[in-house]
């Protein structure tokens, strides 16, 4: 499929991952700091409860820094949402001036996430922890609890985020009556104990769980720390659990420059990593074919049409 798409790729795999469908040669660029993710809010100032009864902090518009771009709002703007401010729009447009393929890359990562959820439900996974989900997308019904619930009625989803606006919007979405059982945990991915303890209020962690980390781990500056966080999360789950992860790479100079420019705005930094370093997130896990590939090439329902963005890598792997 890679050759059919006409895509020259570097070797993106580590020893733990099977090679993509055709051989590739990886360009070892330097790791670079950059981003897309931060906070916002508007809602009541009282604590609220998720449908399961767990208390989640509530925020007000005072918690929102509208002068500094935030990756969740930037993604929302690029993907056609409504939760963004002038700083987010300016940052997104500046980013796209340097790296015009940004919308394509973000859309391909989102599509990978959807296909991964559908694949996992076919493997009898019924529990999902979506960490750093970003702002909900009720317009096209592409949120994790909706996709999982549509594929399996008994699916359960827990969203984990530390951003006030994301917390508010997910709370509102769940209060509307989700199509499957869902919960919300307000926590930072760094605090793995809180993440797992919060998830345990909604899920049975003695049964397999799938953790989704889409465009999230780049927010951890130190690569070894980022790998350790993922290992702690996976070690807290039952055998037969899965990790689905995707992040942007250092494979294109324009993306590196755009990310560095974005970082200069004062937004939370995001670290681009080489494909090899992204592959190391899956160390010790059993990968699902085709291994570590650009998001558009992970088990597509049909061969991708037109160009395929290769500036991110993704994989799904099992404990």
C-alpha atoms as a PDB file:
ATOM      1  CA  UNK A   1       0.000   0.000   0.000  1.00  0.00           C
ATOM      2  CA  UNK A   2       2.849   2.399   0.741  1.00  0.00           C
ATOM      3  CA  UNK A   3       4.312   1.905  -2.709  1.00  0.00           C
ATOM      4  CA  UNK A   4       0.859   2.259  -4.277  1.00  0.00           C
ATOM      5  CA  UNK A   5       0.479   5.585  -2.527  1.00  0.00           C
ATOM      6  CA  UNK A   6       3.865   6.575  -3.888  1.00  0.00           C
ATOM      7  CA  UNK A   7       5.207   7.658  -0.518  1.00  0.00           C
ATOM      8  CA  UNK A   8       8.941   7.520   0.246  1.00  0.00           C
ATOM      9  CA  UNK A   9       9.223   6.897   3.986  1.00  0.00           C
ATOM     10  CA  UNK A  10      12.151   6.620   6.358  1.00  0.00           C
ATOM     11  CA  UNK A  11      12.488   3.600   8.641  1.00  0.00           C
ATOM     12  CA  UNK A  12       9.967   4.503  11.311  1.00  0.00           C
ATOM     13  CA  UNK A  13      10.022   1.284  13.278  1.00  0.00           C
ATOM     14  CA  UNK A  14      11.833   0.156  16.389  1.00  0.00           C
ATOM     15  CA  UNK A  15      12.638  -3.498  17.053  1.00  0.00           C
ATOM     16  CA  UNK A  16       9.351  -3.875  18.940  1.00  0.00           C
ATOM     17  CA  UNK A  17       7.298  -2.930  15.875  1.00  0.00           C
ATOM     18  CA  UNK A  18       6.906  -4.803  12.597  1.00  0.00           C
ATOM     19  CA  UNK A  19       8.037  -2.903   9.516  1.00  0.00           C
ATOM     20  CA  UNK A  20       5.462  -1.018   7.449  1.00  0.00           C
ATOM     21  CA  UNK A  21       4.202  -2.733   4.280  1.00  0.00           C
ATOM     22  CA  UNK A  22       7.278  -1.588   2.328  1.00  0.00           C
ATOM     23  CA  UNK A  23      10.807  -0.764   3.389  1.00  0.00           C
ATOM     24  CA  UNK A  24      11.647   2.754   4.425  1.00  0.00           C
ATOM     25  CA  UNK A  25      14.596   4.841   5.486  1.00  0.00           C
ATOM     26  CA  UNK A  26      14.240   7.227   8.443  1.00  0.00           C
ATOM     27  CA  UNK A  27      15.654  10.681   8.552  1.00  0.00           C
ATOM     28  CA  UNK A  28      17.025  11.225  12.066  1.00  0.00           C
ATOM     29  CA  UNK A  29      16.173  14.870  12.724  1.00  0.00           C
ATOM     30  CA  UNK A  30      16.795  16.507  16.061  1.00  0.00           C
ATOM     31  CA  UNK A  31      14.053  16.563  18.667  1.00  0.00           C
ATOM     32  CA  UNK A  32      12.440  20.010  18.708  1.00  0.00           C
ATOM     33  CA  UNK A  33      10.202  21.779  21.188  1.00  0.00           C
ATOM     34  CA  UNK A  34       6.820  22.982  19.928  1.00  0.00           C
ATOM     35  CA  UNK A  35       3.038  22.657  20.548  1.00  0.00           C
ATOM     36  CA  UNK A  36      -0.698  22.606  20.144  1.00  0.00           C
ATOM     37  CA  UNK A  37      -2.705  22.289  23.766  1.00  0.00           C
ATOM     38  CA  UNK A  38      -3.710  24.793  26.778  1.00  0.00           C
ATOM     39  CA  UNK A  39      -6.778  26.073  29.017  1.00  0.00           C
ATOM     40  CA  UNK A  40     -10.018  28.004  28.720  1.00  0.00           C
ATOM     41  CA  UNK A  41     -13.485  28.005  30.234  1.00  0.00           C
ATOM     42  CA  UNK A  42     -16.859  29.361  30.763  1.00  0.00           C
ATOM     43  CA  UNK A  43     -19.543  27.863  32.863  1.00  0.00           C
ATOM     44  CA  UNK A  44     -20.699  27.895  36.453  1.00  0.00           C
ATOM     45  CA  UNK A  45     -18.297  28.252  39.331  1.00  0.00           C
ATOM     46  CA  UNK A  46     -19.837  25.389  41.272  1.00  0.00           C
ATOM     47  CA  UNK A  47     -18.578  21.827  41.273  1.00  0.00           C
ATOM     48  CA  UNK A  48     -20.467  19.549  38.918  1.00  0.00           C
ATOM     49  CA  UNK A  49     -20.974  15.811  38.740  1.00  0.00           C
ATOM     50  CA  UNK A  50     -20.478  13.430  35.877  1.00  0.00           C
ATOM     51  CA  UNK A  51     -23.360  11.063  35.032  1.00  0.00           C
ATOM     52  CA  UNK A  52     -21.645   8.484  37.272  1.00  0.00           C
ATOM     53  CA  UNK A  53     -21.642  10.866  40.224  1.00  0.00           C
ATOM     54  CA  UNK A  54     -17.926  11.681  40.334  1.00  0.00           C
ATOM     55  CA  UNK A  55     -17.175  15.295  41.246  1.00  0.00           C
ATOM     56  CA  UNK A  56     -15.385  17.305  38.566  1.00  0.00           C
ATOM     57  CA  UNK A  57     -14.136  20.888  39.061  1.00  0.00           C
ATOM     58  CA  UNK A  58     -16.152  23.573  37.329  1.00  0.00           C
ATOM     59  CA  UNK A  59     -14.615  26.717  35.892  1.00  0.00           C
ATOM     60  CA  UNK A  60     -15.667  30.213  34.904  1.00  0.00           C
ATOM     61  CA  UNK A  61     -14.593  32.591  32.147  1.00  0.00           C
ATOM     62  CA  UNK A  62     -12.039  33.991  34.621  1.00  0.00           C
ATOM     63  CA  UNK A  63     -10.058  30.777  34.145  1.00  0.00           C
ATOM     64  CA  UNK A  64      -9.599  31.490  30.446  1.00  0.00           C
ATOM     65  CA  UNK A  65      -6.481  33.186  29.143  1.00  0.00           C
ATOM     66  CA  UNK A  66      -7.719  34.390  25.777  1.00  0.00           C
ATOM     67  CA  UNK A  67      -4.460  36.175  24.941  1.00  0.00           C
ATOM     68  CA  UNK A  68      -2.351  33.001  24.687  1.00  0.00           C
ATOM     69  CA  UNK A  69      -3.187  30.315  22.121  1.00  0.00           C
ATOM     70  CA  UNK A  70      -4.144  26.876  23.375  1.00  0.00           C
ATOM     71  CA  UNK A  71      -3.713  23.739  21.289  1.00  0.00           C
ATOM     72  CA  UNK A  72      -7.204  22.379  21.910  1.00  0.00           C
ATOM     73  CA  UNK A  73      -8.680  25.649  20.618  1.00  0.00           C
ATOM     74  CA  UNK A  74      -6.218  25.801  17.725  1.00  0.00           C
ATOM     75  CA  UNK A  75      -7.190  22.266  16.681  1.00  0.00           C
ATOM     76  CA  UNK A  76     -10.840  23.237  17.051  1.00  0.00           C
ATOM     77  CA  UNK A  77     -10.378  26.235  14.749  1.00  0.00           C
ATOM     78  CA  UNK A  78      -8.476  24.282  12.098  1.00  0.00           C
ATOM     79  CA  UNK A  79     -11.022  21.448  12.147  1.00  0.00           C
ATOM     80  CA  UNK A  80     -13.981  23.811  11.791  1.00  0.00           C
ATOM     81  CA  UNK A  81     -15.188  24.186  15.383  1.00  0.00           C
ATOM     82  CA  UNK A  82     -16.435  27.262  17.262  1.00  0.00           C
ATOM     83  CA  UNK A  83     -14.475  27.225  20.567  1.00  0.00           C
ATOM     84  CA  UNK A  84     -11.549  29.544  19.829  1.00  0.00           C
ATOM     85  CA  UNK A  85     -10.385  33.129  20.249  1.00  0.00           C
ATOM     86  CA  UNK A  86      -8.383  35.626  18.232  1.00  0.00           C
ATOM     87  CA  UNK A  87      -5.047  34.430  19.623  1.00  0.00           C
ATOM     88  CA  UNK A  88      -5.884  30.871  18.584  1.00  0.00           C
ATOM     89  CA  UNK A  89      -6.925  31.909  15.089  1.00  0.00           C
ATOM     90  CA  UNK A  90      -3.829  34.009  14.560  1.00  0.00           C
ATOM     91  CA  UNK A  91      -1.569  31.217  15.794  1.00  0.00           C
ATOM     92  CA  UNK A  92      -3.285  28.674  13.543  1.00  0.00           C
ATOM     93  CA  UNK A  93      -3.029  30.878  10.467  1.00  0.00           C
ATOM     94  CA  UNK A  94       0.624  31.700  11.128  1.00  0.00           C
ATOM     95  CA  UNK A  95       1.325  27.996  11.590  1.00  0.00           C
ATOM     96  CA  UNK A  96      -0.375  27.158   8.310  1.00  0.00           C
ATOM     97  CA  UNK A  97       1.520  29.868   6.432  1.00  0.00           C
ATOM     98  CA  UNK A  98       4.750  28.051   7.279  1.00  0.00           C
ATOM     99  CA  UNK A  99       3.317  24.529   7.198  1.00  0.00           C
ATOM    100  CA  UNK A 100       0.253  24.453   4.891  1.00  0.00           C
ATOM    101  CA  UNK A 101      -0.416  20.739   5.518  1.00  0.00           C
ATOM    102  CA  UNK A 102      -1.441  21.227   9.157  1.00  0.00           C
ATOM    103  CA  UNK A 103      -5.173  20.642   8.659  1.00  0.00           C
ATOM    104  CA  UNK A 104      -4.424  17.508   6.645  1.00  0.00           C
ATOM    105  CA  UNK A 105      -2.171  16.149   9.399  1.00  0.00           C
ATOM    106  CA  UNK A 106      -4.681  16.856  12.182  1.00  0.00           C
ATOM    107  CA  UNK A 107      -7.538  15.305  10.207  1.00  0.00           C
ATOM    108  CA  UNK A 108      -5.489  12.179   9.516  1.00  0.00           C
ATOM    109  CA  UNK A 109      -4.702  11.782  13.224  1.00  0.00           C
ATOM    110  CA  UNK A 110      -8.379  12.139  14.111  1.00  0.00           C
ATOM    111  CA  UNK A 111      -9.333   9.554  11.466  1.00  0.00           C
ATOM    112  CA  UNK A 112      -6.720   7.149  12.830  1.00  0.00           C
ATOM    113  CA  UNK A 113      -8.256   7.509  16.275  1.00  0.00           C
ATOM    114  CA  UNK A 114     -11.690   6.638  14.928  1.00  0.00           C
ATOM    115  CA  UNK A 115     -10.454   3.574  13.053  1.00  0.00           C
ATOM    116  CA  UNK A 116      -8.476   2.441  16.094  1.00  0.00           C
ATOM    117  CA  UNK A 117     -11.583   2.623  18.303  1.00  0.00           C
ATOM    118  CA  UNK A 118     -13.597   0.616  15.793  1.00  0.00           C
ATOM    119  CA  UNK A 119     -10.794  -1.943  15.497  1.00  0.00           C
ATOM    120  CA  UNK A 120     -10.528  -2.273  19.279  1.00  0.00           C
ATOM    121  CA  UNK A 121     -14.243  -2.864  19.728  1.00  0.00           C
ATOM    122  CA  UNK A 122     -13.879  -5.755  17.244  1.00  0.00           C
ATOM    123  CA  UNK A 123     -11.193  -7.154  19.565  1.00  0.00           C
ATOM    124  CA  UNK A 124     -13.832  -7.171  22.349  1.00  0.00           C
ATOM    125  CA  UNK A 125     -12.408  -4.092  24.080  1.00  0.00           C
ATOM    126  CA  UNK A 126     -15.259  -2.320  25.845  1.00  0.00           C
ATOM    127  CA  UNK A 127     -13.387   0.221  27.969  1.00  0.00           C
ATOM    128  CA  UNK A 128     -11.590   3.329  26.723  1.00  0.00           C
ATOM    129  CA  UNK A 129      -9.533   6.019  28.448  1.00  0.00           C
ATOM    130  CA  UNK A 130      -9.160   9.015  26.134  1.00  0.00           C
ATOM    131  CA  UNK A 131      -6.434  11.267  27.569  1.00  0.00           C
ATOM    132  CA  UNK A 132      -6.229  14.795  26.194  1.00  0.00           C
ATOM    133  CA  UNK A 133      -9.267  14.393  23.922  1.00  0.00           C
ATOM    134  CA  UNK A 134      -9.460  18.062  23.012  1.00  0.00           C
ATOM    135  CA  UNK A 135     -12.733  19.903  22.546  1.00  0.00           C
ATOM    136  CA  UNK A 136     -15.802  17.803  21.713  1.00  0.00           C
ATOM    137  CA  UNK A 137     -17.106  17.658  18.168  1.00  0.00           C
ATOM    138  CA  UNK A 138     -20.905  17.228  18.471  1.00  0.00           C
ATOM    139  CA  UNK A 139     -21.296  18.643  14.972  1.00  0.00           C
ATOM    140  CA  UNK A 140     -20.080  15.446  13.325  1.00  0.00           C
ATOM    141  CA  UNK A 141     -20.533  13.024  16.241  1.00  0.00           C
ATOM    142  CA  UNK A 142     -16.917  11.889  16.201  1.00  0.00           C
ATOM    143  CA  UNK A 143     -16.227  11.781  19.937  1.00  0.00           C
ATOM    144  CA  UNK A 144     -14.847   8.605  21.466  1.00  0.00           C
ATOM    145  CA  UNK A 145     -17.896   7.652  23.519  1.00  0.00           C
ATOM    146  CA  UNK A 146     -20.121   8.003  20.463  1.00  0.00           C
ATOM    147  CA  UNK A 147     -17.889   5.961  18.151  1.00  0.00           C
ATOM    148  CA  UNK A 148     -17.332   3.263  20.779  1.00  0.00           C
ATOM    149  CA  UNK A 149     -21.000   3.196  21.757  1.00  0.00           C
ATOM    150  CA  UNK A 150     -22.089   2.911  18.146  1.00  0.00           C
ATOM    151  CA  UNK A 151     -19.791  -0.083  17.648  1.00  0.00           C
ATOM    152  CA  UNK A 152     -20.590  -1.780  20.971  1.00  0.00           C
ATOM    153  CA  UNK A 153     -23.582  -0.871  23.138  1.00  0.00           C
ATOM    154  CA  UNK A 154     -21.815  -1.886  26.345  1.00  0.00           C
ATOM    155  CA  UNK A 155     -18.739   0.277  25.688  1.00  0.00           C
ATOM    156  CA  UNK A 156     -17.628   2.675  28.411  1.00  0.00           C
ATOM    157  CA  UNK A 157     -15.432   5.747  27.942  1.00  0.00           C
ATOM    158  CA  UNK A 158     -13.516   7.940  30.374  1.00  0.00           C
ATOM    159  CA  UNK A 159     -12.222  11.317  29.210  1.00  0.00           C
ATOM    160  CA  UNK A 160      -9.176  12.740  30.996  1.00  0.00           C
ATOM    161  CA  UNK A 161      -8.079  16.365  30.606  1.00  0.00           C
ATOM    162  CA  UNK A 162      -6.663  19.164  32.743  1.00  0.00           C
ATOM    163  CA  UNK A 163      -7.962  22.077  30.668  1.00  0.00           C
ATOM    164  CA  UNK A 164     -10.917  24.052  32.057  1.00  0.00           C
ATOM    165  CA  UNK A 165     -12.682  24.661  28.733  1.00  0.00           C
ATOM    166  CA  UNK A 166     -12.283  21.057  27.630  1.00  0.00           C
ATOM    167  CA  UNK A 167     -13.647  19.945  31.015  1.00  0.00           C
ATOM    168  CA  UNK A 168     -16.661  22.232  30.671  1.00  0.00           C
ATOM    169  CA  UNK A 169     -17.456  21.190  27.111  1.00  0.00           C
ATOM    170  CA  UNK A 170     -17.168  17.467  27.809  1.00  0.00           C
ATOM    171  CA  UNK A 171     -19.326  17.891  30.916  1.00  0.00           C
ATOM    172  CA  UNK A 172     -21.970  19.619  28.809  1.00  0.00           C
ATOM    173  CA  UNK A 173     -21.780  16.901  26.174  1.00  0.00           C
ATOM    174  CA  UNK A 174     -22.174  14.078  28.679  1.00  0.00           C
ATOM    175  CA  UNK A 175     -25.077  15.844  30.383  1.00  0.00           C
ATOM    176  CA  UNK A 176     -26.916  15.849  27.061  1.00  0.00           C
ATOM    177  CA  UNK A 177     -27.239  12.072  27.298  1.00  0.00           C
ATOM    178  CA  UNK A 178     -24.405  10.133  25.611  1.00  0.00           C
ATOM    179  CA  UNK A 179     -25.139   7.031  23.575  1.00  0.00           C
ATOM    180  CA  UNK A 180     -22.903   4.968  25.812  1.00  0.00           C
ATOM    181  CA  UNK A 181     -21.771   5.143  29.415  1.00  0.00           C
ATOM    182  CA  UNK A 182     -19.074   7.801  29.820  1.00  0.00           C
ATOM    183  CA  UNK A 183     -17.207   9.585  32.582  1.00  0.00           C
ATOM    184  CA  UNK A 184     -14.852  12.517  33.048  1.00  0.00           C
ATOM    185  CA  UNK A 185     -11.635  12.851  35.073  1.00  0.00           C
ATOM    186  CA  UNK A 186      -9.933  16.217  35.568  1.00  0.00           C
ATOM    187  CA  UNK A 187      -6.224  15.354  35.696  1.00  0.00           C
ATOM    188  CA  UNK A 188      -2.882  15.836  33.977  1.00  0.00           C
ATOM    189  CA  UNK A 189      -1.386  12.872  32.121  1.00  0.00           C
ATOM    190  CA  UNK A 190       1.779  13.316  34.231  1.00  0.00           C
ATOM    191  CA  UNK A 191      -0.220  12.382  37.336  1.00  0.00           C
ATOM    192  CA  UNK A 192      -0.753   8.761  36.343  1.00  0.00           C
ATOM    193  CA  UNK A 193      -2.015   7.736  39.793  1.00  0.00           C
ATOM    194  CA  UNK A 194      -4.850  10.252  39.612  1.00  0.00           C
ATOM    195  CA  UNK A 195      -5.620   9.291  36.012  1.00  0.00           C
ATOM    196  CA  UNK A 196      -5.898   5.592  36.864  1.00  0.00           C
ATOM    197  CA  UNK A 197      -7.737   6.151  40.145  1.00  0.00           C
ATOM    198  CA  UNK A 198     -10.224   8.425  38.415  1.00  0.00           C
ATOM    199  CA  UNK A 199     -10.721   5.965  35.573  1.00  0.00           C
ATOM    200  CA  UNK A 200     -11.321   3.183  38.114  1.00  0.00           C
ATOM    201  CA  UNK A 201     -14.422   5.044  39.331  1.00  0.00           C
ATOM    202  CA  UNK A 202     -15.985   4.418  35.926  1.00  0.00           C
ATOM    203  CA  UNK A 203     -14.216   1.328  34.571  1.00  0.00           C
ATOM    204  CA  UNK A 204     -13.159  -2.134  35.737  1.00  0.00           C
ATOM    205  CA  UNK A 205      -9.372  -1.976  35.462  1.00  0.00           C
ATOM    206  CA  UNK A 206      -9.179  -5.723  36.064  1.00  0.00           C
ATOM    207  CA  UNK A 207     -10.550  -6.071  32.533  1.00  0.00           C
ATOM    208  CA  UNK A 208      -8.810  -4.921  29.323  1.00  0.00           C
ATOM    209  CA  UNK A 209      -8.791  -1.186  28.647  1.00  0.00           C
ATOM    210  CA  UNK A 210      -7.626   0.828  25.640  1.00  0.00           C
ATOM    211  CA  UNK A 211      -5.710   4.052  26.321  1.00  0.00           C
ATOM    212  CA  UNK A 212      -5.882   6.689  23.587  1.00  0.00           C
ATOM    213  CA  UNK A 213      -3.083   9.280  23.408  1.00  0.00           C
ATOM    214  CA  UNK A 214      -3.553  11.269  20.213  1.00  0.00           C
ATOM    215  CA  UNK A 215      -1.285  14.298  19.875  1.00  0.00           C
ATOM    216  CA  UNK A 216      -0.695  14.363  23.629  1.00  0.00           C
ATOM    217  CA  UNK A 217       2.728  13.033  24.599  1.00  0.00           C
ATOM    218  CA  UNK A 218       4.542  15.773  22.712  1.00  0.00           C
ATOM    219  CA  UNK A 219       3.499  18.020  25.574  1.00  0.00           C
ATOM    220  CA  UNK A 220       5.951  16.179  27.823  1.00  0.00           C
ATOM    221  CA  UNK A 221       9.271  17.896  27.171  1.00  0.00           C
ATOM    222  CA  UNK A 222      11.643  15.151  28.331  1.00  0.00           C
ATOM    223  CA  UNK A 223      11.368  12.094  26.096  1.00  0.00           C
ATOM    224  CA  UNK A 224      12.451   9.607  28.757  1.00  0.00           C
ATOM    225  CA  UNK A 225       9.843  11.059  31.138  1.00  0.00           C
ATOM    226  CA  UNK A 226       7.200  10.738  28.419  1.00  0.00           C
ATOM    227  CA  UNK A 227       8.068   7.084  27.848  1.00  0.00           C
ATOM    228  CA  UNK A 228       7.943   6.433  31.612  1.00  0.00           C
ATOM    229  CA  UNK A 229       4.468   8.003  31.866  1.00  0.00           C
ATOM    230  CA  UNK A 230       3.108   5.686  29.190  1.00  0.00           C
ATOM    231  CA  UNK A 231       4.715   2.655  30.861  1.00  0.00           C
ATOM    232  CA  UNK A 232       3.130   3.570  34.214  1.00  0.00           C
ATOM    233  CA  UNK A 233      -0.276   3.920  32.598  1.00  0.00           C
ATOM    234  CA  UNK A 234      -0.037   0.591  30.798  1.00  0.00           C
ATOM    235  CA  UNK A 235       1.348  -1.183  33.877  1.00  0.00           C
ATOM    236  CA  UNK A 236      -1.772  -0.113  35.759  1.00  0.00           C
ATOM    237  CA  UNK A 237      -4.058  -1.972  33.355  1.00  0.00           C
ATOM    238  CA  UNK A 238      -5.081  -5.596  32.988  1.00  0.00           C
ATOM    239  CA  UNK A 239      -3.317  -7.940  30.549  1.00  0.00           C
ATOM    240  CA  UNK A 240      -4.839  -7.700  27.090  1.00  0.00           C
ATOM    241  CA  UNK A 241      -5.108  -3.894  27.275  1.00  0.00           C
ATOM    242  CA  UNK A 242      -4.137  -1.690  24.345  1.00  0.00           C
ATOM    243  CA  UNK A 243      -2.289   1.548  23.637  1.00  0.00           C
ATOM    244  CA  UNK A 244      -3.244   3.718  20.639  1.00  0.00           C
ATOM    245  CA  UNK A 245      -0.850   6.640  20.243  1.00  0.00           C
ATOM    246  CA  UNK A 246      -0.055   9.214  17.580  1.00  0.00           C
ATOM    247  CA  UNK A 247       2.240  12.232  17.558  1.00  0.00           C
ATOM    248  CA  UNK A 248       3.843  14.581  15.044  1.00  0.00           C
ATOM    249  CA  UNK A 249       7.429  14.063  13.940  1.00  0.00           C
ATOM    250  CA  UNK A 250      10.581  15.935  12.979  1.00  0.00           C
ATOM    251  CA  UNK A 251      10.407  14.623   9.403  1.00  0.00           C
ATOM    252  CA  UNK A 252       9.822  17.975   7.703  1.00  0.00           C
ATOM    253  CA  UNK A 253      11.731  21.222   8.212  1.00  0.00           C
ATOM    254  CA  UNK A 254       8.645  23.384   7.583  1.00  0.00           C
ATOM    255  CA  UNK A 255       6.774  21.644  10.413  1.00  0.00           C
ATOM    256  CA  UNK A 256       9.730  22.126  12.759  1.00  0.00           C
ATOM    257  CA  UNK A 257       9.861  25.842  11.945  1.00  0.00           C
ATOM    258  CA  UNK A 258       6.108  26.246  12.316  1.00  0.00           C
ATOM    259  CA  UNK A 259       6.139  24.522  15.696  1.00  0.00           C
ATOM    260  CA  UNK A 260       9.018  26.656  16.926  1.00  0.00           C
ATOM    261  CA  UNK A 261       7.163  29.796  15.844  1.00  0.00           C
ATOM    262  CA  UNK A 262       4.028  28.585  17.620  1.00  0.00           C
ATOM    263  CA  UNK A 263       6.021  27.939  20.791  1.00  0.00           C
ATOM    264  CA  UNK A 264       7.250  31.512  20.771  1.00  0.00           C
ATOM    265  CA  UNK A 265       3.671  32.708  21.399  1.00  0.00           C
ATOM    266  CA  UNK A 266       3.899  31.502  24.998  1.00  0.00           C
ATOM    267  CA  UNK A 267       1.597  28.534  24.398  1.00  0.00           C
ATOM    268  CA  UNK A 268       2.341  25.258  26.160  1.00  0.00           C
ATOM    269  CA  UNK A 269       5.293  23.691  24.307  1.00  0.00           C
ATOM    270  CA  UNK A 270       4.977  20.575  22.197  1.00  0.00           C
ATOM    271  CA  UNK A 271       8.025  18.429  21.424  1.00  0.00           C
ATOM    272  CA  UNK A 272       8.317  16.932  17.982  1.00  0.00           C
ATOM    273  CA  UNK A 273      10.147  13.597  18.043  1.00  0.00           C
ATOM    274  CA  UNK A 274      11.771  11.357  15.487  1.00  0.00           C
ATOM    275  CA  UNK A 275       9.736   8.336  14.358  1.00  0.00           C
ATOM    276  CA  UNK A 276      12.196   6.078  16.187  1.00  0.00           C
ATOM    277  CA  UNK A 277      11.590   7.852  19.487  1.00  0.00           C
ATOM    278  CA  UNK A 278       7.821   7.637  18.971  1.00  0.00           C
ATOM    279  CA  UNK A 279       8.218   3.906  18.323  1.00  0.00           C
ATOM    280  CA  UNK A 280       9.799   3.560  21.767  1.00  0.00           C
ATOM    281  CA  UNK A 281       6.447   4.379  23.404  1.00  0.00           C
ATOM    282  CA  UNK A 282       5.429   0.856  22.410  1.00  0.00           C
ATOM    283  CA  UNK A 283       8.439  -0.930  23.918  1.00  0.00           C
ATOM    284  CA  UNK A 284       7.382  -4.214  25.505  1.00  0.00           C
ATOM    285  CA  UNK A 285       3.984  -4.251  23.794  1.00  0.00           C
ATOM    286  CA  UNK A 286       2.767  -6.464  20.958  1.00  0.00           C
ATOM    287  CA  UNK A 287       2.043  -4.289  17.919  1.00  0.00           C
ATOM    288  CA  UNK A 288      -0.966  -4.540  15.662  1.00  0.00           C
ATOM    289  CA  UNK A 289      -0.186  -4.555  11.950  1.00  0.00           C
ATOM    290  CA  UNK A 290       0.949  -2.530  10.087  1.00  0.00           C
ATOM    291  CA  UNK A 291       3.065  -1.265  13.000  1.00  0.00           C
ATOM    292  CA  UNK A 292       4.199   2.346  13.181  1.00  0.00           C
ATOM    293  CA  UNK A 293       3.041   4.279  10.114  1.00  0.00           C
ATOM    294  CA  UNK A 294       1.642   7.681   9.118  1.00  0.00           C
ATOM    295  CA  UNK A 295      -1.945   7.908  10.427  1.00  0.00           C
ATOM    296  CA  UNK A 296      -3.595   7.715   7.006  1.00  0.00           C
ATOM    297  CA  UNK A 297      -1.888   4.371   6.397  1.00  0.00           C
ATOM    298  CA  UNK A 298      -3.040   2.617   9.567  1.00  0.00           C
ATOM    299  CA  UNK A 299      -5.644   0.078   8.395  1.00  0.00           C
ATOM    300  CA  UNK A 300      -7.518   2.462   6.067  1.00  0.00           C
ATOM    301  CA  UNK A 301     -10.924   1.297   4.898  1.00  0.00           C
ATOM    302  CA  UNK A 302      -9.746   2.070   1.366  1.00  0.00           C
ATOM    303  CA  UNK A 303      -6.445   3.197  -0.172  1.00  0.00           C
ATOM    304  CA  UNK A 304      -5.871   6.900   0.552  1.00  0.00           C
ATOM    305  CA  UNK A 305      -6.581   9.195  -2.378  1.00  0.00           C
ATOM    306  CA  UNK A 306      -4.180  11.977  -3.255  1.00  0.00           C
ATOM    307  CA  UNK A 307      -1.225  12.840  -1.066  1.00  0.00           C
ATOM    308  CA  UNK A 308      -0.680  11.270   2.350  1.00  0.00           C
ATOM    309  CA  UNK A 309       0.736  13.382   5.160  1.00  0.00           C
ATOM    310  CA  UNK A 310       3.769  11.552   6.576  1.00  0.00           C
ATOM    311  CA  UNK A 311       4.653  14.056   9.316  1.00  0.00           C
ATOM    312  CA  UNK A 312       3.112  12.025  12.146  1.00  0.00           C
ATOM    313  CA  UNK A 313       3.365   8.417  13.263  1.00  0.00           C
ATOM    314  CA  UNK A 314       0.819   6.190  14.970  1.00  0.00           C
ATOM    315  CA  UNK A 315       0.428   2.618  16.127  1.00  0.00           C
ATOM    316  CA  UNK A 316      -1.780   0.347  18.214  1.00  0.00           C
ATOM    317  CA  UNK A 317      -0.212  -2.266  20.469  1.00  0.00           C
ATOM    318  CA  UNK A 318      -1.351  -4.786  23.086  1.00  0.00           C
ATOM    319  CA  UNK A 319      -0.007  -5.666  26.528  1.00  0.00           C
END
